[in-house]
Amino acid sequence: MGAEVVPGGVHFRVWAPSAARVEVLIVPPAGQGARTVAEGGVALAAEPGGYFSGVVAGAGNGTLYRYRLDGRSP
């Protein structure tokens, strides 16, 4: 679980058994405004056992991120 740099981006995997939807929000460096890699975040795919995972293209080593559960503000 966590975040692992892979070719083409970062693979995220998180356990959130109470959530119906999990998104990754990319936090820009200080002073660059509040934007994400994709409008509304990047949705992770649901897996058995309450896990969510997926690759976020464009993210890399040192990228700051947050998770958004069920569309709620992080």
PDB file of N, CA and C in Angstrom:
ATOM      1  N   MET A   1       0.845  -1.180   0.000  1.00  0.00           N
ATOM      2  CA  MET A   1       0.000   0.000   0.000  1.00  0.00           C
ATOM      3  C   MET A   1       0.881   1.229   0.000  1.00  0.00           C
ATOM      4  N   GLY A   2       0.309   2.325  -0.449  1.00  0.00           N
ATOM      5  CA  GLY A   2       1.049   3.573  -0.489  1.00  0.00           C
ATOM      6  C   GLY A   2       1.226   4.036  -1.916  1.00  0.00           C
ATOM      7  N   ALA A   3       2.357   4.689  -2.154  1.00  0.00           N
ATOM      8  CA  ALA A   3       2.661   5.243  -3.467  1.00  0.00           C
ATOM      9  C   ALA A   3       4.016   4.711  -3.927  1.00  0.00           C
ATOM     10  N   GLU A   4       4.060   4.213  -5.162  1.00  0.00           N
ATOM     11  CA  GLU A   4       5.289   3.660  -5.715  1.00  0.00           C
ATOM     12  C   GLU A   4       5.506   4.225  -7.114  1.00  0.00           C
ATOM     13  N   VAL A   5       6.669   4.821  -7.335  1.00  0.00           N
ATOM     14  CA  VAL A   5       6.996   5.341  -8.655  1.00  0.00           C
ATOM     15  C   VAL A   5       7.182   4.166  -9.614  1.00  0.00           C
ATOM     16  N   VAL A   6       6.480   4.242 -10.733  1.00  0.00           N
ATOM     17  CA  VAL A   6       6.558   3.218 -11.777  1.00  0.00           C
ATOM     18  C   VAL A   6       6.757   3.933 -13.110  1.00  0.00           C
ATOM     19  N   PRO A   7       7.149   3.222 -14.156  1.00  0.00           N
ATOM     20  CA  PRO A   7       7.282   3.883 -15.452  1.00  0.00           C
ATOM     21  C   PRO A   7       5.976   4.582 -15.845  1.00  0.00           C
ATOM     22  N   GLY A   8       6.056   5.859 -16.132  1.00  0.00           N
ATOM     23  CA  GLY A   8       4.886   6.616 -16.570  1.00  0.00           C
ATOM     24  C   GLY A   8       4.123   7.344 -15.479  1.00  0.00           C
ATOM     25  N   GLY A   9       4.489   7.158 -14.218  1.00  0.00           N
ATOM     26  CA  GLY A   9       3.758   7.848 -13.150  1.00  0.00           C
ATOM     27  C   GLY A   9       3.988   7.233 -11.789  1.00  0.00           C
ATOM     28  N   VAL A  10       2.951   7.276 -10.975  1.00  0.00           N
ATOM     29  CA  VAL A  10       3.009   6.710  -9.627  1.00  0.00           C
ATOM     30  C   VAL A  10       1.804   5.796  -9.439  1.00  0.00           C
ATOM     31  N   HIS A  11       2.062   4.591  -8.928  1.00  0.00           N
ATOM     32  CA  HIS A  11       0.986   3.653  -8.598  1.00  0.00           C
ATOM     33  C   HIS A  11       0.585   3.889  -7.150  1.00  0.00           C
ATOM     34  N   PHE A  12      -0.694   4.197  -6.948  1.00  0.00           N
ATOM     35  CA  PHE A  12      -1.242   4.423  -5.606  1.00  0.00           C
ATOM     36  C   PHE A  12      -2.118   3.245  -5.230  1.00  0.00           C
ATOM     37  N   ARG A  13      -2.049   2.844  -3.969  1.00  0.00           N
ATOM     38  CA  ARG A  13      -2.952   1.816  -3.448  1.00  0.00           C
ATOM     39  C   ARG A  13      -3.266   2.178  -2.005  1.00  0.00           C
ATOM     40  N   VAL A  14      -4.550   2.191  -1.685  1.00  0.00           N
ATOM     41  CA  VAL A  14      -4.996   2.600  -0.360  1.00  0.00           C
ATOM     42  C   VAL A  14      -6.141   1.693   0.079  1.00  0.00           C
ATOM     43  N   TRP A  15      -6.230   1.492   1.395  1.00  0.00           N
ATOM     44  CA  TRP A  15      -7.331   0.716   1.965  1.00  0.00           C
ATOM     45  C   TRP A  15      -8.324   1.704   2.544  1.00  0.00           C
ATOM     46  N   ALA A  16      -9.522   1.713   2.008  1.00  0.00           N
ATOM     47  CA  ALA A  16     -10.583   2.611   2.462  1.00  0.00           C
ATOM     48  C   ALA A  16     -11.904   1.852   2.394  1.00  0.00           C
ATOM     49  N   PRO A  17     -12.119   0.917   3.315  1.00  0.00           N
ATOM     50  CA  PRO A  17     -13.277   0.021   3.220  1.00  0.00           C
ATOM     51  C   PRO A  17     -14.634   0.711   3.338  1.00  0.00           C
ATOM     52  N   SER A  18     -14.678   1.904   3.910  1.00  0.00           N
ATOM     53  CA  SER A  18     -15.952   2.616   4.056  1.00  0.00           C
ATOM     54  C   SER A  18     -16.279   3.483   2.850  1.00  0.00           C
ATOM     55  N   ALA A  19     -15.316   3.682   1.954  1.00  0.00           N
ATOM     56  CA  ALA A  19     -15.506   4.590   0.820  1.00  0.00           C
ATOM     57  C   ALA A  19     -16.087   3.868  -0.388  1.00  0.00           C
ATOM     58  N   ALA A  20     -16.890   4.612  -1.137  1.00  0.00           N
ATOM     59  CA  ALA A  20     -17.398   4.105  -2.409  1.00  0.00           C
ATOM     60  C   ALA A  20     -16.510   4.568  -3.551  1.00  0.00           C
ATOM     61  N   ARG A  21     -15.790   5.686  -3.341  1.00  0.00           N
ATOM     62  CA  ARG A  21     -14.929   6.251  -4.373  1.00  0.00           C
ATOM     63  C   ARG A  21     -13.712   6.897  -3.721  1.00  0.00           C
ATOM     64  N   VAL A  22     -12.531   6.686  -4.306  1.00  0.00           N
ATOM     65  CA  VAL A  22     -11.292   7.301  -3.829  1.00  0.00           C
ATOM     66  C   VAL A  22     -10.599   7.951  -5.022  1.00  0.00           C
ATOM     67  N   GLU A  23     -10.174   9.196  -4.831  1.00  0.00           N
ATOM     68  CA  GLU A  23      -9.443   9.923  -5.862  1.00  0.00           C
ATOM     69  C   GLU A  23      -8.115  10.406  -5.289  1.00  0.00           C
ATOM     70  N   VAL A  24      -7.130  10.567  -6.162  1.00  0.00           N
ATOM     71  CA  VAL A  24      -5.850  11.154  -5.787  1.00  0.00           C
ATOM     72  C   VAL A  24      -5.838  12.585  -6.299  1.00  0.00           C
ATOM     73  N   LEU A  25      -5.543  13.523  -5.411  1.00  0.00           N
ATOM     74  CA  LEU A  25      -5.382  14.927  -5.776  1.00  0.00           C
ATOM     75  C   LEU A  25      -3.904  15.259  -5.690  1.00  0.00           C
ATOM     76  N   ILE A  26      -3.353  15.797  -6.752  1.00  0.00           N
ATOM     77  CA  ILE A  26      -1.952  16.197  -6.759  1.00  0.00           C
ATOM     78  C   ILE A  26      -1.864  17.636  -6.264  1.00  0.00           C
ATOM     79  N   VAL A  27      -1.001  17.868  -5.292  1.00  0.00           N
ATOM     80  CA  VAL A  27      -0.826  19.195  -4.690  1.00  0.00           C
ATOM     81  C   VAL A  27       0.346  19.868  -5.392  1.00  0.00           C
ATOM     82  N   PRO A  28       0.106  21.040  -6.009  1.00  0.00           N
ATOM     83  CA  PRO A  28       1.192  21.711  -6.711  1.00  0.00           C
ATOM     84  C   PRO A  28       2.202  22.298  -5.722  1.00  0.00           C
ATOM     85  N   PRO A  29       3.421  22.552  -6.189  1.00  0.00           N
ATOM     86  CA  PRO A  29       4.405  23.216  -5.331  1.00  0.00           C
ATOM     87  C   PRO A  29       3.877  24.559  -4.851  1.00  0.00           C
ATOM     88  N   ALA A  30       4.351  25.015  -3.715  1.00  0.00           N
ATOM     89  CA  ALA A  30       3.909  26.290  -3.130  1.00  0.00           C
ATOM     90  C   ALA A  30       4.000  27.411  -4.159  1.00  0.00           C
ATOM     91  N   GLY A  31       2.959  28.256  -4.175  1.00  0.00           N
ATOM     92  CA  GLY A  31       2.948  29.396  -5.068  1.00  0.00           C
ATOM     93  C   GLY A  31       2.426  29.120  -6.463  1.00  0.00           C
ATOM     94  N   GLN A  32       2.014  27.899  -6.759  1.00  0.00           N
ATOM     95  CA  GLN A  32       1.526  27.582  -8.104  1.00  0.00           C
ATOM     96  C   GLN A  32       0.020  27.357  -8.162  1.00  0.00           C
ATOM     97  N   GLY A  33      -0.695  27.750  -7.111  1.00  0.00           N
ATOM     98  CA  GLY A  33      -2.154  27.622  -7.136  1.00  0.00           C
ATOM     99  C   GLY A  33      -2.618  26.229  -6.789  1.00  0.00           C
ATOM    100  N   ALA A  34      -3.915  26.084  -6.645  1.00  0.00           N
ATOM    101  CA  ALA A  34      -4.509  24.803  -6.261  1.00  0.00           C
ATOM    102  C   ALA A  34      -5.061  24.110  -7.493  1.00  0.00           C
ATOM    103  N   ARG A  35      -4.294  23.216  -8.082  1.00  0.00           N
ATOM    104  CA  ARG A  35      -4.764  22.464  -9.245  1.00  0.00           C
ATOM    105  C   ARG A  35      -4.436  20.995  -9.027  1.00  0.00           C
ATOM    106  N   THR A  36      -5.028  20.150  -9.814  1.00  0.00           N
ATOM    107  CA  THR A  36      -4.750  18.725  -9.735  1.00  0.00           C
ATOM    108  C   THR A  36      -4.276  18.247 -11.099  1.00  0.00           C
ATOM    109  N   VAL A  37      -3.730  17.046 -11.161  1.00  0.00           N
ATOM    110  CA  VAL A  37      -3.292  16.478 -12.424  1.00  0.00           C
ATOM    111  C   VAL A  37      -4.474  16.382 -13.380  1.00  0.00           C
ATOM    112  N   ALA A  38      -5.612  15.981 -12.891  1.00  0.00           N
ATOM    113  CA  ALA A  38      -6.823  15.905 -13.706  1.00  0.00           C
ATOM    114  C   ALA A  38      -7.935  16.633 -12.969  1.00  0.00           C
ATOM    115  N   GLU A  39      -8.783  17.309 -13.704  1.00  0.00           N
ATOM    116  CA  GLU A  39      -9.899  18.028 -13.091  1.00  0.00           C
ATOM    117  C   GLU A  39     -10.677  17.082 -12.189  1.00  0.00           C
ATOM    118  N   GLY A  40     -10.845  17.463 -10.937  1.00  0.00           N
ATOM    119  CA  GLY A  40     -11.577  16.633 -10.002  1.00  0.00           C
ATOM    120  C   GLY A  40     -10.771  15.490  -9.415  1.00  0.00           C
ATOM    121  N   GLY A  41      -9.523  15.375  -9.760  1.00  0.00           N
ATOM    122  CA  GLY A  41      -8.696  14.305  -9.221  1.00  0.00           C
ATOM    123  C   GLY A  41      -8.674  13.102 -10.153  1.00  0.00           C
ATOM    124  N   VAL A  42      -7.887  12.133  -9.784  1.00  0.00           N
ATOM    125  CA  VAL A  42      -7.757  10.900 -10.566  1.00  0.00           C
ATOM    126  C   VAL A  42      -8.393   9.773  -9.759  1.00  0.00           C
ATOM    127  N   ALA A  43      -9.450   9.183 -10.298  1.00  0.00           N
ATOM    128  CA  ALA A  43     -10.162   8.115  -9.596  1.00  0.00           C
ATOM    129  C   ALA A  43      -9.325   6.842  -9.583  1.00  0.00           C
ATOM    130  N   LEU A  44      -9.307   6.176  -8.438  1.00  0.00           N
ATOM    131  CA  LEU A  44      -8.654   4.877  -8.309  1.00  0.00           C
ATOM    132  C   LEU A  44      -9.705   3.791  -8.487  1.00  0.00           C
ATOM    133  N   ALA A  45      -9.290   2.660  -8.995  1.00  0.00           N
ATOM    134  CA  ALA A  45     -10.205   1.539  -9.228  1.00  0.00           C
ATOM    135  C   ALA A  45     -10.433   0.767  -7.933  1.00  0.00           C
ATOM    136  N   ALA A  46     -11.690   0.403  -7.688  1.00  0.00           N
ATOM    137  CA  ALA A  46     -12.030  -0.398  -6.511  1.00  0.00           C
ATOM    138  C   ALA A  46     -11.547  -1.827  -6.706  1.00  0.00           C
ATOM    139  N   GLU A  47     -11.046  -2.426  -5.617  1.00  0.00           N
ATOM    140  CA  GLU A  47     -10.589  -3.818  -5.608  1.00  0.00           C
ATOM    141  C   GLU A  47     -11.303  -4.535  -4.465  1.00  0.00           C
ATOM    142  N   PRO A  48     -11.281  -5.852  -4.458  1.00  0.00           N
ATOM    143  CA  PRO A  48     -11.872  -6.592  -3.346  1.00  0.00           C
ATOM    144  C   PRO A  48     -11.214  -6.224  -2.011  1.00  0.00           C
ATOM    145  N   GLY A  49     -11.967  -6.312  -0.945  1.00  0.00           N
ATOM    146  CA  GLY A  49     -11.433  -6.096   0.392  1.00  0.00           C
ATOM    147  C   GLY A  49     -11.314  -4.645   0.804  1.00  0.00           C
ATOM    148  N   GLY A  50     -11.924  -3.727   0.062  1.00  0.00           N
ATOM    149  CA  GLY A  50     -11.900  -2.319   0.441  1.00  0.00           C
ATOM    150  C   GLY A  50     -10.690  -1.545  -0.058  1.00  0.00           C
ATOM    151  N   TYR A  51      -9.930  -2.115  -0.979  1.00  0.00           N
ATOM    152  CA  TYR A  51      -8.753  -1.443  -1.531  1.00  0.00           C
ATOM    153  C   TYR A  51      -9.124  -0.681  -2.799  1.00  0.00           C
ATOM    154  N   PHE A  52      -8.336   0.353  -3.092  1.00  0.00           N
ATOM    155  CA  PHE A  52      -8.455   1.129  -4.322  1.00  0.00           C
ATOM    156  C   PHE A  52      -7.045   1.321  -4.855  1.00  0.00           C
ATOM    157  N   SER A  53      -6.878   1.263  -6.189  1.00  0.00           N
ATOM    158  CA  SER A  53      -5.535   1.457  -6.736  1.00  0.00           C
ATOM    159  C   SER A  53      -5.597   1.975  -8.160  1.00  0.00           C
ATOM    160  N   GLY A  54      -4.454   2.497  -8.608  1.00  0.00           N
ATOM    161  CA  GLY A  54      -4.321   2.964  -9.978  1.00  0.00           C
ATOM    162  C   GLY A  54      -3.049   3.759 -10.153  1.00  0.00           C
ATOM    163  N   VAL A  55      -2.713   4.014 -11.411  1.00  0.00           N
ATOM    164  CA  VAL A  55      -1.521   4.794 -11.746  1.00  0.00           C
ATOM    165  C   VAL A  55      -1.947   6.203 -12.104  1.00  0.00           C
ATOM    166  N   VAL A  56      -1.250   7.178 -11.532  1.00  0.00           N
ATOM    167  CA  VAL A  56      -1.472   8.584 -11.862  1.00  0.00           C
ATOM    168  C   VAL A  56      -0.320   9.030 -12.754  1.00  0.00           C
ATOM    169  N   ALA A  57      -0.619   9.207 -14.027  1.00  0.00           N
ATOM    170  CA  ALA A  57       0.392   9.656 -14.984  1.00  0.00           C
ATOM    171  C   ALA A  57       0.803  11.086 -14.654  1.00  0.00           C
ATOM    172  N   GLY A  58       2.067  11.380 -14.818  1.00  0.00           N
ATOM    173  CA  GLY A  58       2.563  12.723 -14.572  1.00  0.00           C
ATOM    174  C   GLY A  58       3.051  12.946 -13.162  1.00  0.00           C
ATOM    175  N   ALA A  59       2.698  12.085 -12.237  1.00  0.00           N
ATOM    176  CA  ALA A  59       3.209  12.179 -10.870  1.00  0.00           C
ATOM    177  C   ALA A  59       4.582  11.523 -10.845  1.00  0.00           C
ATOM    178  N   GLY A  60       5.394  11.891  -9.870  1.00  0.00           N
ATOM    179  CA  GLY A  60       6.728  11.314  -9.793  1.00  0.00           C
ATOM    180  C   GLY A  60       7.302  11.412  -8.400  1.00  0.00           C
ATOM    181  N   ASN A  61       8.566  11.108  -8.292  1.00  0.00           N
ATOM    182  CA  ASN A  61       9.258  11.165  -7.012  1.00  0.00           C
ATOM    183  C   ASN A  61       9.153  12.576  -6.434  1.00  0.00           C
ATOM    184  N   GLY A  62       8.700  12.686  -5.203  1.00  0.00           N
ATOM    185  CA  GLY A  62       8.573  13.980  -4.539  1.00  0.00           C
ATOM    186  C   GLY A  62       7.246  14.680  -4.758  1.00  0.00           C
ATOM    187  N   THR A  63       6.370  14.107  -5.564  1.00  0.00           N
ATOM    188  CA  THR A  63       5.056  14.707  -5.794  1.00  0.00           C
ATOM    189  C   THR A  63       4.235  14.668  -4.508  1.00  0.00           C
ATOM    190  N   LEU A  64       3.632  15.788  -4.167  1.00  0.00           N
ATOM    191  CA  LEU A  64       2.750  15.842  -2.998  1.00  0.00           C
ATOM    192  C   LEU A  64       1.335  15.484  -3.439  1.00  0.00           C
ATOM    193  N   TYR A  65       0.628  14.742  -2.614  1.00  0.00           N
ATOM    194  CA  TYR A  65      -0.710  14.299  -2.988  1.00  0.00           C
ATOM    195  C   TYR A  65      -1.595  14.173  -1.756  1.00  0.00           C
ATOM    196  N   ARG A  66      -2.890  14.099  -2.032  1.00  0.00           N
ATOM    197  CA  ARG A  66      -3.905  13.844  -0.994  1.00  0.00           C
ATOM    198  C   ARG A  66      -4.908  12.863  -1.588  1.00  0.00           C
ATOM    199  N   TYR A  67      -5.612  12.181  -0.705  1.00  0.00           N
ATOM    200  CA  TYR A  67      -6.711  11.339  -1.147  1.00  0.00           C
ATOM    201  C   TYR A  67      -8.017  12.072  -0.874  1.00  0.00           C
ATOM    202  N   ARG A  68      -8.984  11.905  -1.773  1.00  0.00           N
ATOM    203  CA  ARG A  68     -10.339  12.431  -1.543  1.00  0.00           C
ATOM    204  C   ARG A  68     -11.274  11.231  -1.540  1.00  0.00           C
ATOM    205  N   LEU A  69     -12.021  11.089  -0.465  1.00  0.00           N
ATOM    206  CA  LEU A  69     -12.958   9.975  -0.313  1.00  0.00           C
ATOM    207  C   LEU A  69     -14.378  10.440  -0.568  1.00  0.00           C
ATOM    208  N   ASP A  70     -15.055   9.759  -1.463  1.00  0.00           N
ATOM    209  CA  ASP A  70     -16.470  10.020  -1.761  1.00  0.00           C
ATOM    210  C   ASP A  70     -16.744  11.481  -2.105  1.00  0.00           C
ATOM    211  N   GLY A  71     -15.793  12.146  -2.748  1.00  0.00           N
ATOM    212  CA  GLY A  71     -16.008  13.516  -3.208  1.00  0.00           C
ATOM    213  C   GLY A  71     -15.914  14.582  -2.144  1.00  0.00           C
ATOM    214  N   ARG A  72     -15.591  14.196  -0.907  1.00  0.00           N
ATOM    215  CA  ARG A  72     -15.484  15.178   0.175  1.00  0.00           C
ATOM    216  C   ARG A  72     -14.178  15.956   0.073  1.00  0.00           C
ATOM    217  N   SER A  73     -14.200  17.187   0.498  1.00  0.00           N
ATOM    218  CA  SER A  73     -12.995  18.022   0.478  1.00  0.00           C
ATOM    219  C   SER A  73     -11.918  17.396   1.356  1.00  0.00           C
ATOM    220  N   PRO A  74     -10.667  17.378   0.840  1.00  0.00           N
ATOM    221  CA  PRO A  74      -9.573  16.782   1.634  1.00  0.00           C
ATOM    222  C   PRO A  74      -9.179  17.681   2.796  1.00  0.00           C
TER     223      PRO A  74
END
